[in-house]
Amino acid sequence: MRHNVELGEIVFCDMIIKHKGKTHLLENIVYKNVGDKLFYYRSYLEKLKINVPVEIEEIKIISRLGFENKSKEFTEVKASDEKRNKITGAYE
């Protein structure tokens, strides 16, 4: 298996999967490596009438998209100290 995608990396790729001895080609998909060798995306598997996760045989990377943002924090916003004109709405 050629699985050269780092853990947590998101890639745009073509993928060959294996199910019950048959291989299937999935083209132009976005895939994120979660650490195991199984493919779970149900929307792609339903088109092939497969109901269970399948083994990834090979990944042909078209483009590397990067890694997910792991920050769970919110950006702080500070209220403006400027006052608005009540008639025009412009800042004074």
PDB file of N, CA and C in Angstrom:
ATOM      1  N   MET A   1       0.837  -1.190   0.000  1.00  0.00           N
ATOM      2  CA  MET A   1       0.000   0.000   0.000  1.00  0.00           C
ATOM      3  C   MET A   1       0.872   1.240   0.000  1.00  0.00           C
ATOM      4  N   ARG A   2       0.593   2.144  -0.892  1.00  0.00           N
ATOM      5  CA  ARG A   2       1.295   3.423  -0.926  1.00  0.00           C
ATOM      6  C   ARG A   2       0.442   4.448  -0.217  1.00  0.00           C
ATOM      7  N   HIS A   3       0.757   4.717   1.017  1.00  0.00           N
ATOM      8  CA  HIS A   3      -0.059   5.600   1.856  1.00  0.00           C
ATOM      9  C   HIS A   3       0.856   6.696   2.404  1.00  0.00           C
ATOM     10  N   ASN A   4       1.233   7.639   1.560  1.00  0.00           N
ATOM     11  CA  ASN A   4       2.208   8.652   1.944  1.00  0.00           C
ATOM     12  C   ASN A   4       1.544   9.967   2.360  1.00  0.00           C
ATOM     13  N   VAL A   5       0.450   9.870   3.090  1.00  0.00           N
ATOM     14  CA  VAL A   5      -0.249  11.037   3.607  1.00  0.00           C
ATOM     15  C   VAL A   5       0.009  11.090   5.110  1.00  0.00           C
ATOM     16  N   GLU A   6       0.475  12.242   5.593  1.00  0.00           N
ATOM     17  CA  GLU A   6       0.772  12.376   7.019  1.00  0.00           C
ATOM     18  C   GLU A   6      -0.510  12.379   7.848  1.00  0.00           C
ATOM     19  N   LEU A   7      -0.385  12.070   9.119  1.00  0.00           N
ATOM     20  CA  LEU A   7      -1.521  12.023  10.026  1.00  0.00           C
ATOM     21  C   LEU A   7      -2.163  13.407  10.133  1.00  0.00           C
ATOM     22  N   GLY A   8      -3.452  13.501   9.882  1.00  0.00           N
ATOM     23  CA  GLY A   8      -4.185  14.757   9.955  1.00  0.00           C
ATOM     24  C   GLY A   8      -4.099  15.608   8.700  1.00  0.00           C
ATOM     25  N   GLU A   9      -3.388  15.144   7.689  1.00  0.00           N
ATOM     26  CA  GLU A   9      -3.229  15.912   6.445  1.00  0.00           C
ATOM     27  C   GLU A   9      -4.451  15.714   5.546  1.00  0.00           C
ATOM     28  N   ILE A  10      -4.822  16.777   4.846  1.00  0.00           N
ATOM     29  CA  ILE A  10      -5.943  16.746   3.917  1.00  0.00           C
ATOM     30  C   ILE A  10      -5.379  16.837   2.504  1.00  0.00           C
ATOM     31  N   VAL A  11      -5.808  15.904   1.634  1.00  0.00           N
ATOM     32  CA  VAL A  11      -5.296  15.854   0.266  1.00  0.00           C
ATOM     33  C   VAL A  11      -6.448  15.717  -0.731  1.00  0.00           C
ATOM     34  N   PHE A  12      -6.206  16.196  -1.953  1.00  0.00           N
ATOM     35  CA  PHE A  12      -7.088  15.980  -3.091  1.00  0.00           C
ATOM     36  C   PHE A  12      -6.437  14.866  -3.890  1.00  0.00           C
ATOM     37  N   CYS A  13      -7.140  13.757  -4.095  1.00  0.00           N
ATOM     38  CA  CYS A  13      -6.460  12.580  -4.636  1.00  0.00           C
ATOM     39  C   CYS A  13      -7.394  11.659  -5.419  1.00  0.00           C
ATOM     40  N   ASP A  14      -6.765  10.697  -6.094  1.00  0.00           N
ATOM     41  CA  ASP A  14      -7.435   9.533  -6.655  1.00  0.00           C
ATOM     42  C   ASP A  14      -7.077   8.381  -5.736  1.00  0.00           C
ATOM     43  N   MET A  15      -8.037   7.502  -5.463  1.00  0.00           N
ATOM     44  CA  MET A  15      -7.803   6.446  -4.486  1.00  0.00           C
ATOM     45  C   MET A  15      -8.297   5.108  -5.022  1.00  0.00           C
ATOM     46  N   ILE A  16      -7.527   4.080  -4.776  1.00  0.00           N
ATOM     47  CA  ILE A  16      -7.944   2.720  -5.102  1.00  0.00           C
ATOM     48  C   ILE A  16      -8.282   2.033  -3.784  1.00  0.00           C
ATOM     49  N   ILE A  17      -9.528   1.537  -3.690  1.00  0.00           N
ATOM     50  CA  ILE A  17      -9.979   0.859  -2.478  1.00  0.00           C
ATOM     51  C   ILE A  17     -10.256  -0.605  -2.797  1.00  0.00           C
ATOM     52  N   LYS A  18     -10.243  -1.444  -1.758  1.00  0.00           N
ATOM     53  CA  LYS A  18     -10.455  -2.877  -1.924  1.00  0.00           C
ATOM     54  C   LYS A  18     -11.622  -3.321  -1.054  1.00  0.00           C
ATOM     55  N   HIS A  19     -12.575  -4.038  -1.687  1.00  0.00           N
ATOM     56  CA  HIS A  19     -13.745  -4.537  -0.959  1.00  0.00           C
ATOM     57  C   HIS A  19     -14.093  -5.920  -1.483  1.00  0.00           C
ATOM     58  N   LYS A  20     -14.063  -6.904  -0.626  1.00  0.00           N
ATOM     59  CA  LYS A  20     -14.377  -8.299  -0.961  1.00  0.00           C
ATOM     60  C   LYS A  20     -13.590  -8.798  -2.172  1.00  0.00           C
ATOM     61  N   GLY A  21     -12.302  -8.491  -2.208  1.00  0.00           N
ATOM     62  CA  GLY A  21     -11.439  -8.969  -3.278  1.00  0.00           C
ATOM     63  C   GLY A  21     -11.472  -8.138  -4.549  1.00  0.00           C
ATOM     64  N   LYS A  22     -12.395  -7.194  -4.656  1.00  0.00           N
ATOM     65  CA  LYS A  22     -12.480  -6.338  -5.842  1.00  0.00           C
ATOM     66  C   LYS A  22     -11.868  -4.983  -5.527  1.00  0.00           C
ATOM     67  N   THR A  23     -11.246  -4.374  -6.547  1.00  0.00           N
ATOM     68  CA  THR A  23     -10.693  -3.028  -6.374  1.00  0.00           C
ATOM     69  C   THR A  23     -11.574  -2.040  -7.112  1.00  0.00           C
ATOM     70  N   HIS A  24     -11.717  -0.852  -6.522  1.00  0.00           N
ATOM     71  CA  HIS A  24     -12.525   0.222  -7.097  1.00  0.00           C
ATOM     72  C   HIS A  24     -11.677   1.479  -7.129  1.00  0.00           C
ATOM     73  N   LEU A  25     -11.842   2.284  -8.168  1.00  0.00           N
ATOM     74  CA  LEU A  25     -11.121   3.548  -8.294  1.00  0.00           C
ATOM     75  C   LEU A  25     -12.061   4.695  -7.964  1.00  0.00           C
ATOM     76  N   LEU A  26     -11.674   5.514  -7.001  1.00  0.00           N
ATOM     77  CA  LEU A  26     -12.406   6.738  -6.666  1.00  0.00           C
ATOM     78  C   LEU A  26     -11.562   7.901  -7.146  1.00  0.00           C
ATOM     79  N   GLU A  27     -12.124   8.738  -8.012  1.00  0.00           N
ATOM     80  CA  GLU A  27     -11.362   9.840  -8.593  1.00  0.00           C
ATOM     81  C   GLU A  27     -11.789  11.175  -8.003  1.00  0.00           C
ATOM     82  N   ASN A  28     -10.814  12.073  -7.874  1.00  0.00           N
ATOM     83  CA  ASN A  28     -11.035  13.464  -7.463  1.00  0.00           C
ATOM     84  C   ASN A  28     -11.811  13.567  -6.151  1.00  0.00           C
ATOM     85  N   ILE A  29     -11.250  13.011  -5.092  1.00  0.00           N
ATOM     86  CA  ILE A  29     -11.883  13.101  -3.781  1.00  0.00           C
ATOM     87  C   ILE A  29     -10.972  13.849  -2.813  1.00  0.00           C
ATOM     88  N   VAL A  30     -11.573  14.419  -1.793  1.00  0.00           N
ATOM     89  CA  VAL A  30     -10.833  15.067  -0.718  1.00  0.00           C
ATOM     90  C   VAL A  30     -10.793  14.072   0.436  1.00  0.00           C
ATOM     91  N   TYR A  31      -9.581  13.768   0.903  1.00  0.00           N
ATOM     92  CA  TYR A  31      -9.390  12.738   1.923  1.00  0.00           C
ATOM     93  C   TYR A  31      -8.524  13.273   3.041  1.00  0.00           C
ATOM     94  N   LYS A  32      -8.909  12.944   4.275  1.00  0.00           N
ATOM     95  CA  LYS A  32      -8.111  13.314   5.454  1.00  0.00           C
ATOM     96  C   LYS A  32      -7.666  12.037   6.151  1.00  0.00           C
ATOM     97  N   ASN A  33      -6.378  11.931   6.400  1.00  0.00           N
ATOM     98  CA  ASN A  33      -5.826  10.754   7.072  1.00  0.00           C
ATOM     99  C   ASN A  33      -6.116  10.851   8.562  1.00  0.00           C
ATOM    100  N   VAL A  34      -6.857   9.868   9.077  1.00  0.00           N
ATOM    101  CA  VAL A  34      -7.198   9.849  10.504  1.00  0.00           C
ATOM    102  C   VAL A  34      -6.404   8.805  11.275  1.00  0.00           C
ATOM    103  N   GLY A  35      -5.461   8.131  10.604  1.00  0.00           N
ATOM    104  CA  GLY A  35      -4.571   7.228  11.313  1.00  0.00           C
ATOM    105  C   GLY A  35      -4.778   5.753  11.049  1.00  0.00           C
ATOM    106  N   ASP A  36      -5.856   5.375  10.406  1.00  0.00           N
ATOM    107  CA  ASP A  36      -6.023   3.960  10.082  1.00  0.00           C
ATOM    108  C   ASP A  36      -6.033   3.783   8.561  1.00  0.00           C
ATOM    109  N   LYS A  37      -6.124   2.560   8.121  1.00  0.00           N
ATOM    110  CA  LYS A  37      -6.033   2.266   6.696  1.00  0.00           C
ATOM    111  C   LYS A  37      -7.402   2.002   6.081  1.00  0.00           C
ATOM    112  N   LEU A  38      -8.450   2.546   6.709  1.00  0.00           N
ATOM    113  CA  LEU A  38      -9.800   2.330   6.218  1.00  0.00           C
ATOM    114  C   LEU A  38     -10.389   3.617   5.654  1.00  0.00           C
ATOM    115  N   PHE A  39     -11.288   3.468   4.696  1.00  0.00           N
ATOM    116  CA  PHE A  39     -11.970   4.598   4.071  1.00  0.00           C
ATOM    117  C   PHE A  39     -13.431   4.555   4.508  1.00  0.00           C
ATOM    118  N   TYR A  40     -13.906   5.647   5.131  1.00  0.00           N
ATOM    119  CA  TYR A  40     -15.228   5.668   5.752  1.00  0.00           C
ATOM    120  C   TYR A  40     -16.274   6.491   5.011  1.00  0.00           C
ATOM    121  N   TYR A  41     -15.894   7.359   4.089  1.00  0.00           N
ATOM    122  CA  TYR A  41     -16.824   8.348   3.537  1.00  0.00           C
ATOM    123  C   TYR A  41     -17.998   7.689   2.840  1.00  0.00           C
ATOM    124  N   ARG A  42     -19.128   7.765   3.500  1.00  0.00           N
ATOM    125  CA  ARG A  42     -20.317   7.035   3.072  1.00  0.00           C
ATOM    126  C   ARG A  42     -20.867   7.506   1.732  1.00  0.00           C
ATOM    127  N   SER A  43     -20.774   8.782   1.438  1.00  0.00           N
ATOM    128  CA  SER A  43     -21.326   9.301   0.179  1.00  0.00           C
ATOM    129  C   SER A  43     -20.639   8.677  -1.030  1.00  0.00           C
ATOM    130  N   TYR A  44     -19.356   8.404  -0.922  1.00  0.00           N
ATOM    131  CA  TYR A  44     -18.633   7.762  -2.026  1.00  0.00           C
ATOM    132  C   TYR A  44     -18.925   6.256  -2.068  1.00  0.00           C
ATOM    133  N   LEU A  45     -19.014   5.641  -0.898  1.00  0.00           N
ATOM    134  CA  LEU A  45     -19.220   4.193  -0.840  1.00  0.00           C
ATOM    135  C   LEU A  45     -20.634   3.792  -1.244  1.00  0.00           C
ATOM    136  N   GLU A  46     -21.636   4.647  -0.987  1.00  0.00           N
ATOM    137  CA  GLU A  46     -23.007   4.333  -1.368  1.00  0.00           C
ATOM    138  C   GLU A  46     -23.171   4.251  -2.885  1.00  0.00           C
ATOM    139  N   LYS A  47     -22.396   5.037  -3.627  1.00  0.00           N
ATOM    140  CA  LYS A  47     -22.452   4.984  -5.090  1.00  0.00           C
ATOM    141  C   LYS A  47     -21.985   3.627  -5.605  1.00  0.00           C
ATOM    142  N   LEU A  48     -21.106   2.969  -4.849  1.00  0.00           N
ATOM    143  CA  LEU A  48     -20.607   1.637  -5.215  1.00  0.00           C
ATOM    144  C   LEU A  48     -21.410   0.529  -4.533  1.00  0.00           C
ATOM    145  N   LYS A  49     -22.468   0.910  -3.799  1.00  0.00           N
ATOM    146  CA  LYS A  49     -23.330  -0.021  -3.056  1.00  0.00           C
ATOM    147  C   LYS A  49     -22.538  -0.806  -2.013  1.00  0.00           C
ATOM    148  N   ILE A  50     -21.690  -0.078  -1.281  1.00  0.00           N
ATOM    149  CA  ILE A  50     -20.893  -0.655  -0.193  1.00  0.00           C
ATOM    150  C   ILE A  50     -21.356  -0.003   1.107  1.00  0.00           C
ATOM    151  N   ASN A  51     -21.624  -0.803   2.123  1.00  0.00           N
ATOM    152  CA  ASN A  51     -22.159  -0.285   3.383  1.00  0.00           C
ATOM    153  C   ASN A  51     -21.169  -0.287   4.533  1.00  0.00           C
ATOM    154  N   VAL A  52     -19.984  -0.816   4.335  1.00  0.00           N
ATOM    155  CA  VAL A  52     -19.006  -0.926   5.414  1.00  0.00           C
ATOM    156  C   VAL A  52     -17.722  -0.188   5.025  1.00  0.00           C
ATOM    157  N   PRO A  53     -16.921   0.236   6.016  1.00  0.00           N
ATOM    158  CA  PRO A  53     -15.625   0.844   5.691  1.00  0.00           C
ATOM    159  C   PRO A  53     -14.750  -0.138   4.911  1.00  0.00           C
ATOM    160  N   VAL A  54     -13.970   0.383   3.975  1.00  0.00           N
ATOM    161  CA  VAL A  54     -13.149  -0.475   3.112  1.00  0.00           C
ATOM    162  C   VAL A  54     -11.667  -0.145   3.276  1.00  0.00           C
ATOM    163  N   GLU A  55     -10.836  -1.075   2.866  1.00  0.00           N
ATOM    164  CA  GLU A  55      -9.387  -0.912   2.972  1.00  0.00           C
ATOM    165  C   GLU A  55      -8.868  -0.060   1.824  1.00  0.00           C
ATOM    166  N   ILE A  56      -7.949   0.866   2.133  1.00  0.00           N
ATOM    167  CA  ILE A  56      -7.323   1.709   1.122  1.00  0.00           C
ATOM    168  C   ILE A  56      -6.144   0.946   0.534  1.00  0.00           C
ATOM    169  N   GLU A  57      -6.166   0.758  -0.767  1.00  0.00           N
ATOM    170  CA  GLU A  57      -5.105   0.033  -1.459  1.00  0.00           C
ATOM    171  C   GLU A  57      -3.981   0.992  -1.871  1.00  0.00           C
ATOM    172  N   GLU A  58      -4.360   2.133  -2.475  1.00  0.00           N
ATOM    173  CA  GLU A  58      -3.354   3.084  -2.968  1.00  0.00           C
ATOM    174  C   GLU A  58      -3.957   4.480  -3.033  1.00  0.00           C
ATOM    175  N   ILE A  59      -3.123   5.479  -2.777  1.00  0.00           N
ATOM    176  CA  ILE A  59      -3.529   6.884  -2.888  1.00  0.00           C
ATOM    177  C   ILE A  59      -2.601   7.570  -3.869  1.00  0.00           C
ATOM    178  N   LYS A  60      -3.186   8.188  -4.882  1.00  0.00           N
ATOM    179  CA  LYS A  60      -2.411   8.972  -5.850  1.00  0.00           C
ATOM    180  C   LYS A  60      -2.746  10.437  -5.598  1.00  0.00           C
ATOM    181  N   ILE A  61      -1.831  11.162  -4.974  1.00  0.00           N
ATOM    182  CA  ILE A  61      -2.076  12.541  -4.560  1.00  0.00           C
ATOM    183  C   ILE A  61      -2.010  13.469  -5.768  1.00  0.00           C
ATOM    184  N   ILE A  62      -3.055  14.272  -5.930  1.00  0.00           N
ATOM    185  CA  ILE A  62      -3.095  15.300  -6.964  1.00  0.00           C
ATOM    186  C   ILE A  62      -2.590  16.612  -6.374  1.00  0.00           C
ATOM    187  N   SER A  63      -3.077  16.936  -5.162  1.00  0.00           N
ATOM    188  CA  SER A  63      -2.679  18.183  -4.507  1.00  0.00           C
ATOM    189  C   SER A  63      -2.771  18.013  -2.998  1.00  0.00           C
ATOM    190  N   ARG A  64      -1.812  18.603  -2.291  1.00  0.00           N
ATOM    191  CA  ARG A  64      -1.849  18.613  -0.823  1.00  0.00           C
ATOM    192  C   ARG A  64      -2.527  19.907  -0.382  1.00  0.00           C
ATOM    193  N   LEU A  65      -3.576  19.777   0.430  1.00  0.00           N
ATOM    194  CA  LEU A  65      -4.361  20.936   0.846  1.00  0.00           C
ATOM    195  C   LEU A  65      -3.959  21.481   2.203  1.00  0.00           C
ATOM    196  N   GLY A  66      -3.207  20.731   2.984  1.00  0.00           N
ATOM    197  CA  GLY A  66      -2.743  21.216   4.285  1.00  0.00           C
ATOM    198  C   GLY A  66      -3.286  20.372   5.421  1.00  0.00           C
ATOM    199  N   PHE A  67      -3.307  20.984   6.609  1.00  0.00           N
ATOM    200  CA  PHE A  67      -3.752  20.296   7.814  1.00  0.00           C
ATOM    201  C   PHE A  67      -4.947  21.026   8.394  1.00  0.00           C
ATOM    202  N   GLU A  68      -5.743  20.307   9.199  1.00  0.00           N
ATOM    203  CA  GLU A  68      -6.895  20.944   9.820  1.00  0.00           C
ATOM    204  C   GLU A  68      -6.443  21.949  10.884  1.00  0.00           C
ATOM    205  N   ASN A  69      -7.274  22.936  11.138  1.00  0.00           N
ATOM    206  CA  ASN A  69      -6.990  23.927  12.161  1.00  0.00           C
ATOM    207  C   ASN A  69      -7.379  23.330  13.510  1.00  0.00           C
ATOM    208  N   LYS A  70      -6.421  23.165  14.402  1.00  0.00           N
ATOM    209  CA  LYS A  70      -6.686  22.534  15.691  1.00  0.00           C
ATOM    210  C   LYS A  70      -7.031  23.540  16.788  1.00  0.00           C
ATOM    211  N   SER A  71      -7.018  24.821  16.473  1.00  0.00           N
ATOM    212  CA  SER A  71      -7.332  25.842  17.459  1.00  0.00           C
ATOM    213  C   SER A  71      -8.824  25.823  17.763  1.00  0.00           C
ATOM    214  N   LYS A  72      -9.169  25.754  19.031  1.00  0.00           N
ATOM    215  CA  LYS A  72     -10.568  25.757  19.459  1.00  0.00           C
ATOM    216  C   LYS A  72     -10.947  27.101  20.080  1.00  0.00           C
ATOM    217  N   GLU A  73     -10.041  28.062  20.021  1.00  0.00           N
ATOM    218  CA  GLU A  73     -10.266  29.342  20.675  1.00  0.00           C
ATOM    219  C   GLU A  73     -11.034  30.291  19.766  1.00  0.00           C
ATOM    220  N   PHE A  74     -11.678  31.276  20.384  1.00  0.00           N
ATOM    221  CA  PHE A  74     -12.376  32.307  19.653  1.00  0.00           C
ATOM    222  C   PHE A  74     -11.523  33.567  19.632  1.00  0.00           C
ATOM    223  N   THR A  75     -11.687  34.371  18.627  1.00  0.00           N
ATOM    224  CA  THR A  75     -10.978  35.644  18.537  1.00  0.00           C
ATOM    225  C   THR A  75     -11.721  36.666  19.388  1.00  0.00           C
ATOM    226  N   GLU A  76     -10.971  37.424  20.178  1.00  0.00           N
ATOM    227  CA  GLU A  76     -11.601  38.442  21.008  1.00  0.00           C
ATOM    228  C   GLU A  76     -11.875  39.692  20.189  1.00  0.00           C
ATOM    229  N   VAL A  77     -13.038  40.263  20.404  1.00  0.00           N
ATOM    230  CA  VAL A  77     -13.433  41.469  19.696  1.00  0.00           C
ATOM    231  C   VAL A  77     -13.626  42.570  20.718  1.00  0.00           C
ATOM    232  N   LYS A  78     -13.048  43.727  20.445  1.00  0.00           N
ATOM    233  CA  LYS A  78     -13.150  44.852  21.351  1.00  0.00           C
ATOM    234  C   LYS A  78     -14.141  45.863  20.778  1.00  0.00           C
ATOM    235  N   ALA A  79     -15.005  46.386  21.624  1.00  0.00           N
ATOM    236  CA  ALA A  79     -15.998  47.362  21.179  1.00  0.00           C
ATOM    237  C   ALA A  79     -15.318  48.663  20.778  1.00  0.00           C
ATOM    238  N   SER A  80     -15.895  49.318  19.806  1.00  0.00           N
ATOM    239  CA  SER A  80     -15.345  50.581  19.315  1.00  0.00           C
ATOM    240  C   SER A  80     -15.632  51.700  20.311  1.00  0.00           C
ATOM    241  N   ASP A  81     -14.635  52.578  20.521  1.00  0.00           N
ATOM    242  CA  ASP A  81     -14.806  53.704  21.428  1.00  0.00           C
ATOM    243  C   ASP A  81     -15.349  54.935  20.714  1.00  0.00           C
ATOM    244  N   GLU A  82     -15.403  54.901  19.412  1.00  0.00           N
ATOM    245  CA  GLU A  82     -15.866  56.044  18.637  1.00  0.00           C
ATOM    246  C   GLU A  82     -17.382  56.175  18.732  1.00  0.00           C
ATOM    247  N   LYS A  83     -17.847  57.431  18.715  1.00  0.00           N
ATOM    248  CA  LYS A  83     -19.286  57.686  18.794  1.00  0.00           C
ATOM    249  C   LYS A  83     -19.812  58.056  17.416  1.00  0.00           C
ATOM    250  N   ARG A  84     -21.041  57.655  17.170  1.00  0.00           N
ATOM    251  CA  ARG A  84     -21.674  57.959  15.888  1.00  0.00           C
ATOM    252  C   ARG A  84     -22.597  59.167  16.015  1.00  0.00           C
ATOM    253  N   ASN A  85     -22.696  59.872  14.924  1.00  0.00           N
ATOM    254  CA  ASN A  85     -23.637  60.965  14.830  1.00  0.00           C
ATOM    255  C   ASN A  85     -25.025  60.367  14.723  1.00  0.00           C
ATOM    256  N   LYS A  86     -25.999  60.862  15.527  1.00  0.00           N
ATOM    257  CA  LYS A  86     -27.340  60.263  15.560  1.00  0.00           C
ATOM    258  C   LYS A  86     -28.116  60.527  14.285  1.00  0.00           C
ATOM    259  N   ILE A  87     -27.768  61.565  13.555  1.00  0.00           N
ATOM    260  CA  ILE A  87     -28.527  61.903  12.334  1.00  0.00           C
ATOM    261  C   ILE A  87     -27.937  61.174  11.117  1.00  0.00           C
ATOM    262  N   THR A  88     -26.641  61.314  10.877  1.00  0.00           N
ATOM    263  CA  THR A  88     -26.025  60.748   9.672  1.00  0.00           C
ATOM    264  C   THR A  88     -25.464  59.355   9.884  1.00  0.00           C
ATOM    265  N   GLY A  89     -25.146  58.976  11.099  1.00  0.00           N
ATOM    266  CA  GLY A  89     -24.567  57.685  11.372  1.00  0.00           C
ATOM    267  C   GLY A  89     -23.059  57.643  11.179  1.00  0.00           C
ATOM    268  N   ALA A  90     -22.462  58.769  10.779  1.00  0.00           N
ATOM    269  CA  ALA A  90     -21.025  58.822  10.567  1.00  0.00           C
ATOM    270  C   ALA A  90     -20.296  58.903  11.915  1.00  0.00           C
ATOM    271  N   TYR A  91     -19.060  58.393  11.948  1.00  0.00           N
ATOM    272  CA  TYR A  91     -18.270  58.508  13.166  1.00  0.00           C
ATOM    273  C   TYR A  91     -17.806  59.941  13.348  1.00  0.00           C
ATOM    274  N   GLU A  92     -17.741  60.404  14.585  1.00  0.00           N
ATOM    275  CA  GLU A  92     -17.305  61.775  14.866  1.00  0.00           C
ATOM    276  C   GLU A  92     -15.881  61.780  15.359  1.00  0.00           C
TER     277      GLU A  92
END
